[in-house]
Amino acid sequence: MNLRDLRYFVALADTKHFGKAAERSFVSQPTLSAQLKKLENYLGVQLIERQPRRVTLTETGAKILPLARRILQESDEIISLARNEHDPLSGKLKLGLIPTIGPYLLPLVARRLRKQLPQLKLMLYEYQTAQLLEKLRDGEIEVAILALPVPMDGLESRELYHEPFNVAVPNNHPLSKKSQIKLDDLTGETLLLLEDGHCLRDQALDVCNRIDVKENEDYRATSLETLRQMVAAGLGITLLPDLATRGPFGSGQGLAVKEFARPIPTRTVGAVWRKSTSRTEAINAMCDVIKSAMDE
């Protein structure tokens, strides 16, 4: 048994497809299939149920999967630790972000990160919060940027910035004429939200739970850009994080973006990583750059 075969096994478990697992592992499908068969022969148990157009793990395979992930994670940590002894601010750093942060934060900080950490290569991934934390704990990514708080078992966190919420309303809406909006102004309005699984949905509901706001349950968006279009079409109003309303994402195209009057509802954005990681120095250096940019 070797680490390569365990990587093939994990890739197949993740993709549920021999072709996709082979592509992810940079080998041919026959090679991957043959190596997995050798792994099963070595262990003396069947790990994979091979059915036409469907791949599933056996009961034993499902039990072995988390152990295989842990072994691969630890082996990657060994390699990373050895490399970091030479230059802790170099090499690849796997960074995951939630969809309501990534597209809006990265354009603001990417150039600074390249300039101040030229040897650090960020590998970018985007997942919703629950999946992001799962990938982090499984060792598939090394650091996540998301809205805090989150369950911190085995994890460390650092606050990066506090982000206000703004209100997006149709251009012809009475609230579009106000310079600032009080929370009570939203009473009786129809609120458009993201689909289940997005933490921004829960945050918006938390902001509005003190007033009588009706959620439009017939329309749940998959992205902030879809929410924007729904508001512009006059289907309701929504709350948007501040970065998603700056520059090209601001008012226009059928909607107006208005700031809240004090007290302004906000969310806390931070970085989260495993306590056991060997990339703490690189993670903190990246966080320093992002925090500095957002403090300006």
C-alpha atoms as a PDB file:
ATOM      1  CA  MET A   1       0.000   0.000   0.000  1.00  0.00           C
ATOM      2  CA  ASN A   2       1.319   3.455  -0.878  1.00  0.00           C
ATOM      3  CA  LEU A   3       0.191   7.080  -0.708  1.00  0.00           C
ATOM      4  CA  ARG A   4      -0.403   7.226  -4.454  1.00  0.00           C
ATOM      5  CA  ASP A   5      -3.023   4.467  -4.302  1.00  0.00           C
ATOM      6  CA  LEU A   6      -4.721   6.152  -1.352  1.00  0.00           C
ATOM      7  CA  ARG A   7      -4.907   9.364  -3.397  1.00  0.00           C
ATOM      8  CA  TYR A   8      -6.559   7.442  -6.230  1.00  0.00           C
ATOM      9  CA  PHE A   9      -9.053   5.965  -3.761  1.00  0.00           C
ATOM     10  CA  VAL A  10      -9.928   9.370  -2.268  1.00  0.00           C
ATOM     11  CA  ALA A  11     -10.240  10.917  -5.746  1.00  0.00           C
ATOM     12  CA  LEU A  12     -12.693   8.180  -6.779  1.00  0.00           C
ATOM     13  CA  ALA A  13     -14.658   8.575  -3.540  1.00  0.00           C
ATOM     14  CA  ASP A  14     -14.940  12.326  -4.172  1.00  0.00           C
ATOM     15  CA  THR A  15     -15.863  12.179  -7.860  1.00  0.00           C
ATOM     16  CA  LYS A  16     -17.845   8.887  -7.933  1.00  0.00           C
ATOM     17  CA  HIS A  17     -16.486   8.488 -11.477  1.00  0.00           C
ATOM     18  CA  PHE A  18     -13.396   6.611 -12.728  1.00  0.00           C
ATOM     19  CA  GLY A  19     -12.778   9.011 -15.614  1.00  0.00           C
ATOM     20  CA  LYS A  20     -13.033  12.133 -13.466  1.00  0.00           C
ATOM     21  CA  ALA A  21     -10.900  10.575 -10.731  1.00  0.00           C
ATOM     22  CA  ALA A  22      -8.232   9.672 -13.289  1.00  0.00           C
ATOM     23  CA  GLU A  23      -8.296  13.203 -14.708  1.00  0.00           C
ATOM     24  CA  ARG A  24      -7.978  14.688 -11.231  1.00  0.00           C
ATOM     25  CA  SER A  25      -5.070  12.324 -10.495  1.00  0.00           C
ATOM     26  CA  PHE A  26      -3.318  13.000 -13.853  1.00  0.00           C
ATOM     27  CA  VAL A  27      -3.271   9.338 -14.894  1.00  0.00           C
ATOM     28  CA  SER A  28      -5.169   7.253 -17.399  1.00  0.00           C
ATOM     29  CA  GLN A  29      -8.405   5.594 -16.351  1.00  0.00           C
ATOM     30  CA  PRO A  30      -7.038   2.044 -16.840  1.00  0.00           C
ATOM     31  CA  THR A  31      -4.024   2.900 -14.660  1.00  0.00           C
ATOM     32  CA  LEU A  32      -6.204   4.251 -11.855  1.00  0.00           C
ATOM     33  CA  SER A  33      -8.580   1.292 -12.066  1.00  0.00           C
ATOM     34  CA  ALA A  34      -5.725  -1.223 -12.006  1.00  0.00           C
ATOM     35  CA  GLN A  35      -4.019   0.417  -9.020  1.00  0.00           C
ATOM     36  CA  LEU A  36      -7.257   0.471  -7.042  1.00  0.00           C
ATOM     37  CA  LYS A  37      -7.760  -3.225  -7.806  1.00  0.00           C
ATOM     38  CA  LYS A  38      -4.217  -3.879  -6.506  1.00  0.00           C
ATOM     39  CA  LEU A  39      -5.056  -1.926  -3.346  1.00  0.00           C
ATOM     40  CA  GLU A  40      -8.154  -4.062  -2.787  1.00  0.00           C
ATOM     41  CA  ASN A  41      -6.124  -7.250  -3.359  1.00  0.00           C
ATOM     42  CA  TYR A  42      -3.469  -6.080  -0.909  1.00  0.00           C
ATOM     43  CA  LEU A  43      -6.042  -5.297   1.783  1.00  0.00           C
ATOM     44  CA  GLY A  44      -8.081  -8.396   1.026  1.00  0.00           C
ATOM     45  CA  VAL A  45     -11.377  -6.475   0.960  1.00  0.00           C
ATOM     46  CA  GLN A  46     -13.563  -4.842  -1.659  1.00  0.00           C
ATOM     47  CA  LEU A  47     -13.539  -1.056  -1.352  1.00  0.00           C
ATOM     48  CA  ILE A  48     -15.565  -0.072  -4.416  1.00  0.00           C
ATOM     49  CA  GLU A  49     -18.831  -1.266  -5.928  1.00  0.00           C
ATOM     50  CA  ARG A  50     -18.400  -1.045  -9.700  1.00  0.00           C
ATOM     51  CA  GLN A  51     -21.749  -0.681 -11.452  1.00  0.00           C
ATOM     52  CA  PRO A  52     -22.612   0.638 -14.921  1.00  0.00           C
ATOM     53  CA  ARG A  53     -22.587   4.458 -14.772  1.00  0.00           C
ATOM     54  CA  ARG A  54     -22.353   4.371 -10.988  1.00  0.00           C
ATOM     55  CA  VAL A  55     -19.547   4.052  -8.474  1.00  0.00           C
ATOM     56  CA  THR A  56     -20.152   3.654  -4.746  1.00  0.00           C
ATOM     57  CA  LEU A  57     -18.038   2.647  -1.778  1.00  0.00           C
ATOM     58  CA  THR A  58     -18.626  -0.571   0.069  1.00  0.00           C
ATOM     59  CA  GLU A  59     -19.285  -0.398   3.793  1.00  0.00           C
ATOM     60  CA  THR A  60     -15.615  -1.165   4.414  1.00  0.00           C
ATOM     61  CA  GLY A  61     -14.541   1.425   1.860  1.00  0.00           C
ATOM     62  CA  ALA A  62     -16.632   4.071   3.602  1.00  0.00           C
ATOM     63  CA  LYS A  63     -14.940   3.228   6.911  1.00  0.00           C
ATOM     64  CA  ILE A  64     -11.466   3.410   5.378  1.00  0.00           C
ATOM     65  CA  LEU A  65     -12.086   6.714   3.547  1.00  0.00           C
ATOM     66  CA  PRO A  66     -11.680   9.101   6.540  1.00  0.00           C
ATOM     67  CA  LEU A  67      -8.517   7.235   7.592  1.00  0.00           C
ATOM     68  CA  ALA A  68      -7.107   7.568   4.079  1.00  0.00           C
ATOM     69  CA  ARG A  69      -7.875  11.297   4.103  1.00  0.00           C
ATOM     70  CA  ARG A  70      -6.110  11.676   7.441  1.00  0.00           C
ATOM     71  CA  ILE A  71      -3.008   9.811   6.231  1.00  0.00           C
ATOM     72  CA  LEU A  72      -2.804  11.971   3.091  1.00  0.00           C
ATOM     73  CA  GLN A  73      -3.321  15.137   5.119  1.00  0.00           C
ATOM     74  CA  GLU A  74      -0.508  14.206   7.490  1.00  0.00           C
ATOM     75  CA  SER A  75       1.813  13.305   4.611  1.00  0.00           C
ATOM     76  CA  ASP A  76       1.120  16.652   2.960  1.00  0.00           C
ATOM     77  CA  GLU A  77       1.876  18.364   6.270  1.00  0.00           C
ATOM     78  CA  ILE A  78       5.264  16.604   6.399  1.00  0.00           C
ATOM     79  CA  ILE A  79       6.143  17.801   2.895  1.00  0.00           C
ATOM     80  CA  SER A  80       4.876  21.308   3.624  1.00  0.00           C
ATOM     81  CA  LEU A  81       6.811  21.494   6.886  1.00  0.00           C
ATOM     82  CA  ALA A  82      10.033  20.476   5.174  1.00  0.00           C
ATOM     83  CA  ARG A  83       9.564  23.094   2.459  1.00  0.00           C
ATOM     84  CA  ASN A  84       8.659  25.784   4.965  1.00  0.00           C
ATOM     85  CA  GLU A  85      12.002  25.332   6.693  1.00  0.00           C
ATOM     86  CA  HIS A  86      13.585  26.856   3.592  1.00  0.00           C
ATOM     87  CA  ASP A  87      11.030  29.616   2.906  1.00  0.00           C
ATOM     88  CA  PRO A  88       7.710  29.651   4.814  1.00  0.00           C
ATOM     89  CA  LEU A  89       6.310  32.359   2.514  1.00  0.00           C
ATOM     90  CA  SER A  90       6.735  30.397  -0.693  1.00  0.00           C
ATOM     91  CA  GLY A  91       4.957  27.562  -2.441  1.00  0.00           C
ATOM     92  CA  LYS A  92       1.259  26.847  -2.907  1.00  0.00           C
ATOM     93  CA  LEU A  93      -1.366  27.850  -0.363  1.00  0.00           C
ATOM     94  CA  LYS A  94      -4.848  26.412  -0.907  1.00  0.00           C
ATOM     95  CA  LEU A  95      -7.354  29.156  -0.099  1.00  0.00           C
ATOM     96  CA  GLY A  96     -11.119  28.660  -0.034  1.00  0.00           C
ATOM     97  CA  LEU A  97     -13.693  31.459   0.027  1.00  0.00           C
ATOM     98  CA  ILE A  98     -17.478  31.581   0.255  1.00  0.00           C
ATOM     99  CA  PRO A  99     -19.290  32.864  -2.892  1.00  0.00           C
ATOM    100  CA  THR A 100     -20.484  36.095  -1.222  1.00  0.00           C
ATOM    101  CA  ILE A 101     -16.898  37.108  -0.420  1.00  0.00           C
ATOM    102  CA  GLY A 102     -14.543  35.713  -3.070  1.00  0.00           C
ATOM    103  CA  PRO A 103     -15.590  37.648  -6.216  1.00  0.00           C
ATOM    104  CA  TYR A 104     -15.651  40.971  -4.355  1.00  0.00           C
ATOM    105  CA  LEU A 105     -12.635  40.701  -2.020  1.00  0.00           C
ATOM    106  CA  LEU A 106     -10.094  39.146  -4.375  1.00  0.00           C
ATOM    107  CA  PRO A 107     -10.010  42.008  -6.924  1.00  0.00           C
ATOM    108  CA  LEU A 108      -9.193  44.395  -4.060  1.00  0.00           C
ATOM    109  CA  VAL A 109      -6.305  42.394  -2.622  1.00  0.00           C
ATOM    110  CA  ALA A 110      -4.891  40.234  -5.431  1.00  0.00           C
ATOM    111  CA  ARG A 111      -2.356  42.798  -6.658  1.00  0.00           C
ATOM    112  CA  ARG A 112      -1.112  43.509  -3.121  1.00  0.00           C
ATOM    113  CA  LEU A 113      -0.740  39.827  -2.385  1.00  0.00           C
ATOM    114  CA  ARG A 114       1.317  39.295  -5.533  1.00  0.00           C
ATOM    115  CA  LYS A 115       3.524  42.306  -4.720  1.00  0.00           C
ATOM    116  CA  GLN A 116       4.082  41.649  -1.018  1.00  0.00           C
ATOM    117  CA  LEU A 117       4.183  37.839  -1.148  1.00  0.00           C
ATOM    118  CA  PRO A 118       5.637  37.159  -4.618  1.00  0.00           C
ATOM    119  CA  GLN A 119       6.717  33.573  -3.873  1.00  0.00           C
ATOM    120  CA  LEU A 120       3.359  32.539  -2.405  1.00  0.00           C
ATOM    121  CA  LYS A 121       1.026  31.028  -4.996  1.00  0.00           C
ATOM    122  CA  LEU A 122      -2.624  31.039  -3.949  1.00  0.00           C
ATOM    123  CA  MET A 123      -4.740  28.145  -5.200  1.00  0.00           C
ATOM    124  CA  LEU A 124      -8.324  29.435  -5.071  1.00  0.00           C
ATOM    125  CA  TYR A 125     -11.479  27.425  -4.348  1.00  0.00           C
ATOM    126  CA  GLU A 126     -15.100  28.477  -3.768  1.00  0.00           C
ATOM    127  CA  TYR A 127     -17.607  26.611  -1.602  1.00  0.00           C
ATOM    128  CA  GLN A 128     -20.522  27.387   0.696  1.00  0.00           C
ATOM    129  CA  THR A 129     -19.654  27.546   4.394  1.00  0.00           C
ATOM    130  CA  ALA A 130     -20.451  23.964   5.445  1.00  0.00           C
ATOM    131  CA  GLN A 131     -18.565  22.439   2.529  1.00  0.00           C
ATOM    132  CA  LEU A 132     -15.685  24.878   3.003  1.00  0.00           C
ATOM    133  CA  LEU A 133     -15.238  23.779   6.618  1.00  0.00           C
ATOM    134  CA  GLU A 134     -15.450  20.132   5.582  1.00  0.00           C
ATOM    135  CA  LYS A 135     -12.744  20.636   2.948  1.00  0.00           C
ATOM    136  CA  LEU A 136     -10.623  22.481   5.503  1.00  0.00           C
ATOM    137  CA  ARG A 137     -10.878  19.727   8.115  1.00  0.00           C
ATOM    138  CA  ASP A 138     -10.207  17.053   5.474  1.00  0.00           C
ATOM    139  CA  GLY A 139      -7.010  18.853   4.448  1.00  0.00           C
ATOM    140  CA  GLU A 140      -8.176  19.646   0.901  1.00  0.00           C
ATOM    141  CA  ILE A 141      -7.656  23.354   1.558  1.00  0.00           C
ATOM    142  CA  GLU A 142      -5.341  25.056   4.059  1.00  0.00           C
ATOM    143  CA  VAL A 143      -7.201  28.245   4.940  1.00  0.00           C
ATOM    144  CA  ALA A 144     -10.742  29.554   4.469  1.00  0.00           C
ATOM    145  CA  ILE A 145     -12.115  33.085   4.349  1.00  0.00           C
ATOM    146  CA  LEU A 146     -15.742  33.248   5.449  1.00  0.00           C
ATOM    147  CA  ALA A 147     -18.196  34.946   7.783  1.00  0.00           C
ATOM    148  CA  LEU A 148     -17.556  34.363  11.486  1.00  0.00           C
ATOM    149  CA  PRO A 149     -18.407  32.767  13.837  1.00  0.00           C
ATOM    150  CA  VAL A 150     -18.200  29.127  12.754  1.00  0.00           C
ATOM    151  CA  PRO A 151     -17.705  25.886  14.756  1.00  0.00           C
ATOM    152  CA  MET A 152     -14.052  26.009  15.834  1.00  0.00           C
ATOM    153  CA  ASP A 153     -13.303  22.419  16.887  1.00  0.00           C
ATOM    154  CA  GLY A 154      -9.663  21.874  15.898  1.00  0.00           C
ATOM    155  CA  LEU A 155      -9.503  25.230  14.120  1.00  0.00           C
ATOM    156  CA  GLU A 156      -7.954  28.664  14.653  1.00  0.00           C
ATOM    157  CA  SER A 157      -9.453  31.929  13.405  1.00  0.00           C
ATOM    158  CA  ARG A 158      -8.530  35.551  12.877  1.00  0.00           C
ATOM    159  CA  GLU A 159     -10.831  38.496  12.158  1.00  0.00           C
ATOM    160  CA  LEU A 160      -9.976  40.399   8.981  1.00  0.00           C
ATOM    161  CA  TYR A 161     -12.656  43.086   8.679  1.00  0.00           C
ATOM    162  CA  HIS A 162     -16.212  44.055   9.560  1.00  0.00           C
ATOM    163  CA  GLU A 163     -18.469  44.491   6.546  1.00  0.00           C
ATOM    164  CA  PRO A 164     -21.660  46.596   6.631  1.00  0.00           C
ATOM    165  CA  PHE A 165     -24.855  45.473   4.939  1.00  0.00           C
ATOM    166  CA  ASN A 166     -26.638  47.712   2.430  1.00  0.00           C
ATOM    167  CA  VAL A 167     -30.181  47.583   1.084  1.00  0.00           C
ATOM    168  CA  ALA A 168     -30.894  47.053  -2.613  1.00  0.00           C
ATOM    169  CA  VAL A 169     -34.312  48.243  -3.840  1.00  0.00           C
ATOM    170  CA  PRO A 170     -35.881  48.697  -7.294  1.00  0.00           C
ATOM    171  CA  ASN A 171     -35.233  52.121  -8.846  1.00  0.00           C
ATOM    172  CA  ASN A 172     -38.906  53.046  -8.668  1.00  0.00           C
ATOM    173  CA  HIS A 173     -39.317  51.966  -5.028  1.00  0.00           C
ATOM    174  CA  PRO A 174     -40.206  54.694  -2.465  1.00  0.00           C
ATOM    175  CA  LEU A 175     -37.111  53.754  -0.428  1.00  0.00           C
ATOM    176  CA  SER A 176     -34.862  54.592  -3.400  1.00  0.00           C
ATOM    177  CA  LYS A 177     -35.411  58.295  -2.650  1.00  0.00           C
ATOM    178  CA  LYS A 178     -34.054  58.048   0.918  1.00  0.00           C
ATOM    179  CA  SER A 179     -30.408  58.902   1.598  1.00  0.00           C
ATOM    180  CA  GLN A 180     -30.253  56.313   4.393  1.00  0.00           C
ATOM    181  CA  ILE A 181     -32.614  53.553   5.443  1.00  0.00           C
ATOM    182  CA  LYS A 182     -33.638  52.614   8.959  1.00  0.00           C
ATOM    183  CA  LEU A 183     -34.328  49.001   9.735  1.00  0.00           C
ATOM    184  CA  ASP A 184     -37.942  49.870  10.537  1.00  0.00           C
ATOM    185  CA  ASP A 185     -38.323  51.228   6.981  1.00  0.00           C
ATOM    186  CA  LEU A 186     -38.247  47.619   5.773  1.00  0.00           C
ATOM    187  CA  THR A 187     -41.405  46.669   7.687  1.00  0.00           C
ATOM    188  CA  GLY A 188     -43.912  45.055   5.338  1.00  0.00           C
ATOM    189  CA  GLU A 189     -41.405  44.663   2.488  1.00  0.00           C
ATOM    190  CA  THR A 190     -40.838  41.457   0.532  1.00  0.00           C
ATOM    191  CA  LEU A 191     -37.324  40.167   1.185  1.00  0.00           C
ATOM    192  CA  LEU A 192     -35.410  38.220  -1.452  1.00  0.00           C
ATOM    193  CA  LEU A 193     -32.776  35.801  -0.153  1.00  0.00           C
ATOM    194  CA  LEU A 194     -30.209  33.290  -1.307  1.00  0.00           C
ATOM    195  CA  GLU A 195     -31.067  29.583  -1.246  1.00  0.00           C
ATOM    196  CA  ASP A 196     -30.431  27.401   1.799  1.00  0.00           C
ATOM    197  CA  GLY A 197     -26.761  26.711   2.511  1.00  0.00           C
ATOM    198  CA  HIS A 198     -25.539  30.282   2.058  1.00  0.00           C
ATOM    199  CA  CYS A 199     -24.559  31.880   5.358  1.00  0.00           C
ATOM    200  CA  LEU A 200     -25.619  35.265   3.967  1.00  0.00           C
ATOM    201  CA  ARG A 201     -29.197  34.019   3.977  1.00  0.00           C
ATOM    202  CA  ASP A 202     -29.016  33.353   7.727  1.00  0.00           C
ATOM    203  CA  GLN A 203     -27.300  36.683   8.348  1.00  0.00           C
ATOM    204  CA  ALA A 204     -29.985  38.606   6.448  1.00  0.00           C
ATOM    205  CA  LEU A 205     -32.726  36.808   8.357  1.00  0.00           C
ATOM    206  CA  ASP A 206     -30.944  37.617  11.612  1.00  0.00           C
ATOM    207  CA  VAL A 207     -30.804  41.320  10.705  1.00  0.00           C
ATOM    208  CA  CYS A 208     -34.499  41.400   9.822  1.00  0.00           C
ATOM    209  CA  ASN A 209     -35.904  39.212  12.590  1.00  0.00           C
ATOM    210  CA  ARG A 210     -36.862  42.247  14.690  1.00  0.00           C
ATOM    211  CA  ILE A 211     -39.272  43.620  12.107  1.00  0.00           C
ATOM    212  CA  ASP A 212     -42.182  42.335  10.043  1.00  0.00           C
ATOM    213  CA  VAL A 213     -40.499  41.377   6.778  1.00  0.00           C
ATOM    214  CA  LYS A 214     -41.973  38.721   4.514  1.00  0.00           C
ATOM    215  CA  GLU A 215     -39.631  36.422   2.650  1.00  0.00           C
ATOM    216  CA  ASN A 216     -40.547  35.703  -0.959  1.00  0.00           C
ATOM    217  CA  GLU A 217     -40.301  31.905  -0.814  1.00  0.00           C
ATOM    218  CA  ASP A 218     -41.132  31.516  -4.508  1.00  0.00           C
ATOM    219  CA  TYR A 219     -37.781  32.999  -5.493  1.00  0.00           C
ATOM    220  CA  ARG A 220     -34.509  31.909  -3.913  1.00  0.00           C
ATOM    221  CA  ALA A 221     -31.352  32.928  -5.697  1.00  0.00           C
ATOM    222  CA  THR A 222     -28.171  30.935  -6.195  1.00  0.00           C
ATOM    223  CA  SER A 223     -25.896  34.011  -6.264  1.00  0.00           C
ATOM    224  CA  LEU A 224     -25.784  37.694  -5.373  1.00  0.00           C
ATOM    225  CA  GLU A 225     -25.883  38.570  -9.061  1.00  0.00           C
ATOM    226  CA  THR A 226     -29.180  36.680  -9.422  1.00  0.00           C
ATOM    227  CA  LEU A 227     -30.505  38.518  -6.363  1.00  0.00           C
ATOM    228  CA  ARG A 228     -29.571  41.815  -8.012  1.00  0.00           C
ATOM    229  CA  GLN A 229     -31.512  40.941 -11.143  1.00  0.00           C
ATOM    230  CA  MET A 230     -34.542  39.855  -9.120  1.00  0.00           C
ATOM    231  CA  VAL A 231     -34.553  43.197  -7.280  1.00  0.00           C
ATOM    232  CA  ALA A 232     -34.202  45.086 -10.561  1.00  0.00           C
ATOM    233  CA  ALA A 233     -37.225  43.156 -11.882  1.00  0.00           C
ATOM    234  CA  GLY A 234     -39.290  44.498  -8.980  1.00  0.00           C
ATOM    235  CA  LEU A 235     -39.759  41.206  -7.143  1.00  0.00           C
ATOM    236  CA  GLY A 236     -38.670  42.602  -3.786  1.00  0.00           C
ATOM    237  CA  ILE A 237     -35.699  44.036  -1.891  1.00  0.00           C
ATOM    238  CA  THR A 238     -32.557  42.409  -0.524  1.00  0.00           C
ATOM    239  CA  LEU A 239     -29.556  42.963   1.731  1.00  0.00           C
ATOM    240  CA  LEU A 240     -26.109  42.999   0.133  1.00  0.00           C
ATOM    241  CA  PRO A 241     -22.669  43.003   1.798  1.00  0.00           C
ATOM    242  CA  ASP A 242     -20.855  46.281   1.216  1.00  0.00           C
ATOM    243  CA  LEU A 243     -18.096  44.917  -1.055  1.00  0.00           C
ATOM    244  CA  ALA A 244     -20.777  43.573  -3.384  1.00  0.00           C
ATOM    245  CA  THR A 245     -22.135  47.105  -3.895  1.00  0.00           C
ATOM    246  CA  ARG A 246     -18.894  48.906  -4.772  1.00  0.00           C
ATOM    247  CA  GLY A 247     -17.687  49.962  -8.211  1.00  0.00           C
ATOM    248  CA  PRO A 248     -19.341  48.015 -11.032  1.00  0.00           C
ATOM    249  CA  PHE A 249     -21.582  46.246  -8.504  1.00  0.00           C
ATOM    250  CA  GLY A 250     -23.242  49.447  -7.264  1.00  0.00           C
ATOM    251  CA  SER A 251     -26.511  51.170  -8.120  1.00  0.00           C
ATOM    252  CA  GLY A 252     -27.823  51.155 -11.657  1.00  0.00           C
ATOM    253  CA  GLN A 253     -29.485  48.739 -14.073  1.00  0.00           C
ATOM    254  CA  GLY A 254     -32.873  49.003 -12.416  1.00  0.00           C
ATOM    255  CA  LEU A 255     -31.891  49.065  -8.747  1.00  0.00           C
ATOM    256  CA  ALA A 256     -30.645  51.473  -6.110  1.00  0.00           C
ATOM    257  CA  VAL A 257     -28.294  50.601  -3.236  1.00  0.00           C
ATOM    258  CA  LYS A 258     -28.844  52.476   0.031  1.00  0.00           C
ATOM    259  CA  GLU A 259     -26.841  52.553   3.247  1.00  0.00           C
ATOM    260  CA  PHE A 260     -28.384  51.772   6.608  1.00  0.00           C
ATOM    261  CA  ALA A 261     -28.673  54.503   9.231  1.00  0.00           C
ATOM    262  CA  ARG A 262     -26.943  53.763  12.542  1.00  0.00           C
ATOM    263  CA  PRO A 263     -26.804  51.245  14.082  1.00  0.00           C
ATOM    264  CA  ILE A 264     -25.531  49.684  10.869  1.00  0.00           C
ATOM    265  CA  PRO A 265     -25.876  45.875  10.658  1.00  0.00           C
ATOM    266  CA  THR A 266     -22.576  44.207   9.809  1.00  0.00           C
ATOM    267  CA  ARG A 267     -20.949  40.818   9.434  1.00  0.00           C
ATOM    268  CA  THR A 268     -17.467  39.781  10.563  1.00  0.00           C
ATOM    269  CA  VAL A 269     -15.231  38.277   7.898  1.00  0.00           C
ATOM    270  CA  GLY A 270     -12.249  36.243   8.978  1.00  0.00           C
ATOM    271  CA  ALA A 271      -9.761  33.504   8.144  1.00  0.00           C
ATOM    272  CA  VAL A 272      -9.955  29.989   9.585  1.00  0.00           C
ATOM    273  CA  TRP A 273      -7.318  27.250   9.473  1.00  0.00           C
ATOM    274  CA  ARG A 274      -6.435  23.981  11.187  1.00  0.00           C
ATOM    275  CA  LYS A 275      -4.504  24.212  14.449  1.00  0.00           C
ATOM    276  CA  SER A 276      -2.213  21.465  13.174  1.00  0.00           C
ATOM    277  CA  THR A 277      -1.198  23.186   9.939  1.00  0.00           C
ATOM    278  CA  SER A 278       2.439  23.932   9.193  1.00  0.00           C
ATOM    279  CA  ARG A 279       1.456  26.959   7.072  1.00  0.00           C
ATOM    280  CA  THR A 280       0.638  29.321   9.945  1.00  0.00           C
ATOM    281  CA  GLU A 281       3.341  31.826   8.978  1.00  0.00           C
ATOM    282  CA  ALA A 282       2.154  32.008   5.367  1.00  0.00           C
ATOM    283  CA  ILE A 283      -1.495  32.239   6.456  1.00  0.00           C
ATOM    284  CA  ASN A 284      -0.783  35.097   8.861  1.00  0.00           C
ATOM    285  CA  ALA A 285       1.257  36.920   6.226  1.00  0.00           C
ATOM    286  CA  MET A 286      -1.655  36.648   3.798  1.00  0.00           C
ATOM    287  CA  CYS A 287      -4.058  37.832   6.514  1.00  0.00           C
ATOM    288  CA  ASP A 288      -1.816  40.832   7.266  1.00  0.00           C
ATOM    289  CA  VAL A 289      -2.008  41.938   3.636  1.00  0.00           C
ATOM    290  CA  ILE A 290      -5.799  41.537   3.464  1.00  0.00           C
ATOM    291  CA  LYS A 291      -6.407  43.264   6.797  1.00  0.00           C
ATOM    292  CA  SER A 292      -4.154  46.174   5.826  1.00  0.00           C
ATOM    293  CA  ALA A 293      -6.012  46.620   2.543  1.00  0.00           C
ATOM    294  CA  MET A 294      -9.415  46.530   4.203  1.00  0.00           C
ATOM    295  CA  ASP A 295      -8.380  48.943   6.988  1.00  0.00           C
ATOM    296  CA  GLU A 296      -7.543  51.681   4.470  1.00  0.00           C
END
